[in-house]
Amino acid sequence: MELGSMANDLISLLKTVFPSRDEAPALILVGHSMVRHLFWLDQSPGTDVVEGPSQGGAVVAEACNQIQDSIADVLGVTVIDVVEGES
């Protein structure tokens, strides 16, 4: 898949889950090259963590500005990329 397509998919999914920016929680975006699924981890009230799919670091970096502009406040972006066998 193309990076732009994956970023647009993430944006579309978040717009579906959080249709109203006023009611959306603040987000912390976490991209990880080894993660294969998208899910939310409840942290504290009003804050969710979104982990991205494979190539997630690039996907959340690509999508971050649009997420912040139209979906929810982004409190932070973390990119974790570990090369298998190098850690």
N, C-alpha and C. Protein backbone atom coordinates (compact mmCIF):
# COMPACT_ATOMS: atom_id res chain seq x y z
N MET A 1 0.83 -1.18 0.00
CA MET A 1 0.00 0.00 0.00
C MET A 1 0.88 1.25 0.00
N GLU A 2 0.34 2.28 -0.57
CA GLU A 2 1.03 3.57 -0.62
C GLU A 2 0.85 4.30 0.72
N LEU A 3 1.88 5.07 1.10
CA LEU A 3 1.84 5.82 2.34
C LEU A 3 0.62 6.75 2.40
N GLY A 4 0.36 7.48 1.33
CA GLY A 4 -0.78 8.39 1.30
C GLY A 4 -2.11 7.67 1.50
N SER A 5 -2.23 6.49 0.91
CA SER A 5 -3.46 5.70 1.07
C SER A 5 -3.65 5.25 2.51
N MET A 6 -2.55 4.79 3.14
CA MET A 6 -2.65 4.35 4.53
C MET A 6 -2.96 5.53 5.45
N ALA A 7 -2.36 6.69 5.20
CA ALA A 7 -2.65 7.88 6.01
C ALA A 7 -4.11 8.29 5.84
N ASN A 8 -4.61 8.27 4.61
CA ASN A 8 -6.01 8.62 4.35
C ASN A 8 -6.95 7.62 5.01
N ASP A 9 -6.58 6.33 5.02
CA ASP A 9 -7.39 5.32 5.70
C ASP A 9 -7.46 5.61 7.20
N LEU A 10 -6.32 5.96 7.79
CA LEU A 10 -6.30 6.29 9.22
C LEU A 10 -7.19 7.51 9.50
N ILE A 11 -7.07 8.53 8.68
CA ILE A 11 -7.88 9.74 8.83
C ILE A 11 -9.36 9.41 8.69
N SER A 12 -9.72 8.61 7.70
CA SER A 12 -11.13 8.22 7.50
C SER A 12 -11.66 7.44 8.69
N LEU A 13 -10.85 6.52 9.20
CA LEU A 13 -11.27 5.74 10.35
C LEU A 13 -11.50 6.63 11.55
N LEU A 14 -10.56 7.55 11.82
CA LEU A 14 -10.72 8.44 12.97
C LEU A 14 -11.92 9.37 12.81
N LYS A 15 -12.20 9.81 11.58
CA LYS A 15 -13.38 10.65 11.35
C LYS A 15 -14.66 9.86 11.60
N THR A 16 -14.64 8.58 11.31
CA THR A 16 -15.81 7.72 11.56
C THR A 16 -16.01 7.50 13.06
N VAL A 17 -14.93 7.23 13.77
CA VAL A 17 -15.01 6.97 15.20
C VAL A 17 -15.31 8.24 15.98
N PHE A 18 -14.72 9.36 15.54
CA PHE A 18 -14.89 10.65 16.21
C PHE A 18 -15.48 11.67 15.23
N PRO A 19 -16.79 11.56 14.92
CA PRO A 19 -17.38 12.46 13.91
C PRO A 19 -17.44 13.92 14.35
N SER A 20 -17.44 14.16 15.65
CA SER A 20 -17.50 15.53 16.15
C SER A 20 -16.19 15.89 16.84
N ARG A 21 -15.49 16.88 16.28
CA ARG A 21 -14.22 17.29 16.88
C ARG A 21 -14.42 17.75 18.32
N ASP A 22 -15.56 18.39 18.60
CA ASP A 22 -15.84 18.88 19.95
C ASP A 22 -15.95 17.75 20.98
N GLU A 23 -16.33 16.57 20.54
CA GLU A 23 -16.49 15.44 21.45
C GLU A 23 -15.34 14.45 21.38
N ALA A 24 -14.40 14.66 20.50
CA ALA A 24 -13.27 13.74 20.35
C ALA A 24 -12.27 13.94 21.49
N PRO A 25 -11.68 12.85 21.99
CA PRO A 25 -10.65 12.99 23.02
C PRO A 25 -9.35 13.49 22.40
N ALA A 26 -8.48 14.03 23.22
CA ALA A 26 -7.13 14.34 22.75
C ALA A 26 -6.43 13.01 22.45
N LEU A 27 -5.59 13.00 21.44
CA LEU A 27 -4.93 11.76 21.01
C LEU A 27 -3.43 11.85 21.15
N ILE A 28 -2.82 10.73 21.43
CA ILE A 28 -1.38 10.55 21.30
C ILE A 28 -1.21 9.51 20.20
N LEU A 29 -0.53 9.89 19.13
CA LEU A 29 -0.34 8.99 18.00
C LEU A 29 0.97 8.23 18.19
N VAL A 30 0.89 6.91 18.08
CA VAL A 30 2.08 6.07 18.22
C VAL A 30 2.21 5.23 16.97
N GLY A 31 3.30 5.43 16.24
CA GLY A 31 3.56 4.63 15.05
C GLY A 31 4.69 3.66 15.32
N HIS A 32 4.50 2.43 14.92
CA HIS A 32 5.50 1.39 15.16
C HIS A 32 5.59 0.51 13.93
N SER A 33 6.78 0.25 13.48
CA SER A 33 6.96 -0.52 12.25
C SER A 33 6.54 -1.98 12.40
N MET A 34 6.47 -2.48 13.61
CA MET A 34 6.17 -3.90 13.81
C MET A 34 4.69 -4.17 14.10
N VAL A 35 3.91 -3.13 14.37
CA VAL A 35 2.50 -3.32 14.73
C VAL A 35 1.69 -3.59 13.47
N ARG A 36 0.79 -4.53 13.52
CA ARG A 36 0.00 -4.92 12.36
C ARG A 36 -1.46 -4.52 12.47
N HIS A 37 -1.88 -3.91 13.56
CA HIS A 37 -3.29 -3.59 13.76
C HIS A 37 -3.42 -2.17 14.29
N LEU A 38 -4.60 -1.63 14.19
CA LEU A 38 -4.92 -0.30 14.73
C LEU A 38 -5.84 -0.51 15.91
N PHE A 39 -5.50 0.08 17.05
CA PHE A 39 -6.36 -0.06 18.21
C PHE A 39 -6.13 1.10 19.17
N TRP A 40 -7.07 1.25 20.09
CA TRP A 40 -6.99 2.32 21.08
C TRP A 40 -6.66 1.71 22.43
N LEU A 41 -5.81 2.40 23.16
CA LEU A 41 -5.48 2.00 24.52
C LEU A 41 -5.93 3.13 25.44
N ASP A 42 -6.92 2.88 26.27
CA ASP A 42 -7.38 3.91 27.19
C ASP A 42 -6.28 4.22 28.19
N GLN A 43 -5.93 5.48 28.30
CA GLN A 43 -4.90 5.90 29.23
C GLN A 43 -5.55 6.63 30.40
N SER A 44 -5.80 7.88 30.27
CA SER A 44 -6.46 8.66 31.31
C SER A 44 -7.74 9.22 30.71
N PRO A 45 -8.66 9.66 31.54
CA PRO A 45 -9.92 10.19 31.00
C PRO A 45 -9.67 11.30 29.98
N GLY A 46 -10.27 11.16 28.81
CA GLY A 46 -10.14 12.18 27.77
C GLY A 46 -8.92 12.05 26.89
N THR A 47 -8.10 11.01 27.10
CA THR A 47 -6.91 10.83 26.27
C THR A 47 -6.87 9.40 25.78
N ASP A 48 -6.68 9.22 24.49
CA ASP A 48 -6.53 7.89 23.91
C ASP A 48 -5.20 7.82 23.21
N VAL A 49 -4.69 6.60 23.06
CA VAL A 49 -3.48 6.36 22.29
C VAL A 49 -3.89 5.58 21.06
N VAL A 50 -3.44 6.02 19.91
CA VAL A 50 -3.72 5.33 18.66
C VAL A 50 -2.41 4.72 18.16
N GLU A 51 -2.38 3.42 17.99
CA GLU A 51 -1.21 2.78 17.41
C GLU A 51 -1.50 2.48 15.96
N GLY A 52 -0.56 2.78 15.10
CA GLY A 52 -0.74 2.61 13.67
C GLY A 52 -0.32 1.25 13.16
N PRO A 53 -0.62 0.99 11.90
CA PRO A 53 -0.30 -0.30 11.29
C PRO A 53 1.17 -0.39 10.92
N SER A 54 1.56 -1.50 10.28
CA SER A 54 2.91 -1.64 9.77
C SER A 54 3.28 -0.37 9.03
N GLN A 55 4.49 0.10 9.18
CA GLN A 55 4.93 1.41 8.68
C GLN A 55 4.22 2.52 9.41
N GLY A 56 3.75 2.21 10.61
CA GLY A 56 2.95 3.15 11.37
C GLY A 56 3.63 4.47 11.66
N GLY A 57 4.95 4.45 11.84
CA GLY A 57 5.65 5.71 12.09
C GLY A 57 5.46 6.69 10.97
N ALA A 58 5.62 6.23 9.77
CA ALA A 58 5.44 7.10 8.60
C ALA A 58 3.97 7.48 8.44
N VAL A 59 3.07 6.56 8.73
CA VAL A 59 1.63 6.83 8.56
C VAL A 59 1.17 7.91 9.53
N VAL A 60 1.52 7.79 10.81
CA VAL A 60 1.05 8.79 11.76
C VAL A 60 1.72 10.15 11.50
N ALA A 61 2.98 10.14 11.07
CA ALA A 61 3.64 11.41 10.74
C ALA A 61 2.96 12.07 9.55
N GLU A 62 2.60 11.29 8.56
CA GLU A 62 1.93 11.80 7.36
C GLU A 62 0.54 12.35 7.69
N ALA A 63 -0.18 11.68 8.58
CA ALA A 63 -1.57 12.02 8.87
C ALA A 63 -1.74 13.04 9.99
N CYS A 64 -0.70 13.28 10.77
CA CYS A 64 -0.82 14.07 12.00
C CYS A 64 -1.44 15.45 11.80
N ASN A 65 -0.96 16.22 10.87
CA ASN A 65 -1.48 17.58 10.69
C ASN A 65 -2.96 17.59 10.36
N GLN A 66 -3.37 16.69 9.49
CA GLN A 66 -4.80 16.65 9.12
C GLN A 66 -5.65 16.17 10.29
N ILE A 67 -5.14 15.23 11.07
CA ILE A 67 -5.87 14.76 12.25
C ILE A 67 -6.05 15.93 13.22
N GLN A 68 -4.98 16.68 13.44
CA GLN A 68 -5.06 17.82 14.36
C GLN A 68 -5.98 18.90 13.83
N ASP A 69 -5.95 19.16 12.54
CA ASP A 69 -6.78 20.20 11.94
C ASP A 69 -8.27 19.86 11.95
N SER A 70 -8.63 18.59 11.73
CA SER A 70 -10.04 18.30 11.49
C SER A 70 -10.68 17.25 12.40
N ILE A 71 -9.89 16.54 13.22
CA ILE A 71 -10.48 15.43 13.98
C ILE A 71 -10.37 15.63 15.49
N ALA A 72 -9.15 15.84 15.98
CA ALA A 72 -8.93 15.93 17.43
C ALA A 72 -7.59 16.60 17.69
N ASP A 73 -7.44 17.09 18.91
CA ASP A 73 -6.13 17.60 19.32
C ASP A 73 -5.16 16.43 19.40
N VAL A 74 -3.94 16.66 18.96
CA VAL A 74 -2.88 15.66 19.05
C VAL A 74 -1.90 16.15 20.10
N LEU A 75 -1.82 15.42 21.21
CA LEU A 75 -0.93 15.80 22.31
C LEU A 75 0.51 15.43 22.02
N GLY A 76 0.71 14.39 21.21
CA GLY A 76 2.07 13.97 20.90
C GLY A 76 2.10 12.92 19.83
N VAL A 77 3.26 12.77 19.23
CA VAL A 77 3.50 11.74 18.22
C VAL A 77 4.77 11.01 18.62
N THR A 78 4.69 9.70 18.69
CA THR A 78 5.85 8.88 18.99
C THR A 78 6.05 7.91 17.84
N VAL A 79 7.28 7.82 17.38
CA VAL A 79 7.60 6.89 16.31
C VAL A 79 8.64 5.90 16.84
N ILE A 80 8.28 4.63 16.82
CA ILE A 80 9.16 3.59 17.30
C ILE A 80 9.44 2.65 16.13
N ASP A 81 10.66 2.62 15.69
CA ASP A 81 11.03 1.72 14.58
C ASP A 81 12.22 0.88 15.02
N VAL A 82 11.99 -0.39 15.16
CA VAL A 82 13.03 -1.32 15.54
C VAL A 82 13.23 -2.30 14.39
N VAL A 83 14.46 -2.40 13.92
CA VAL A 83 14.78 -3.35 12.87
C VAL A 83 14.95 -4.71 13.51
N GLU A 84 14.21 -5.70 13.02
CA GLU A 84 14.26 -7.03 13.58
C GLU A 84 15.70 -7.54 13.58
N GLY A 85 16.12 -8.08 14.72
CA GLY A 85 17.46 -8.60 14.85
C GLY A 85 18.50 -7.57 15.25
N GLU A 86 18.11 -6.30 15.29
CA GLU A 86 19.03 -5.22 15.65
C GLU A 86 18.82 -4.73 17.07
N SER A 87 17.72 -5.14 17.72
CA SER A 87 17.45 -4.61 19.07
C SER A 87 18.13 -5.43 20.13
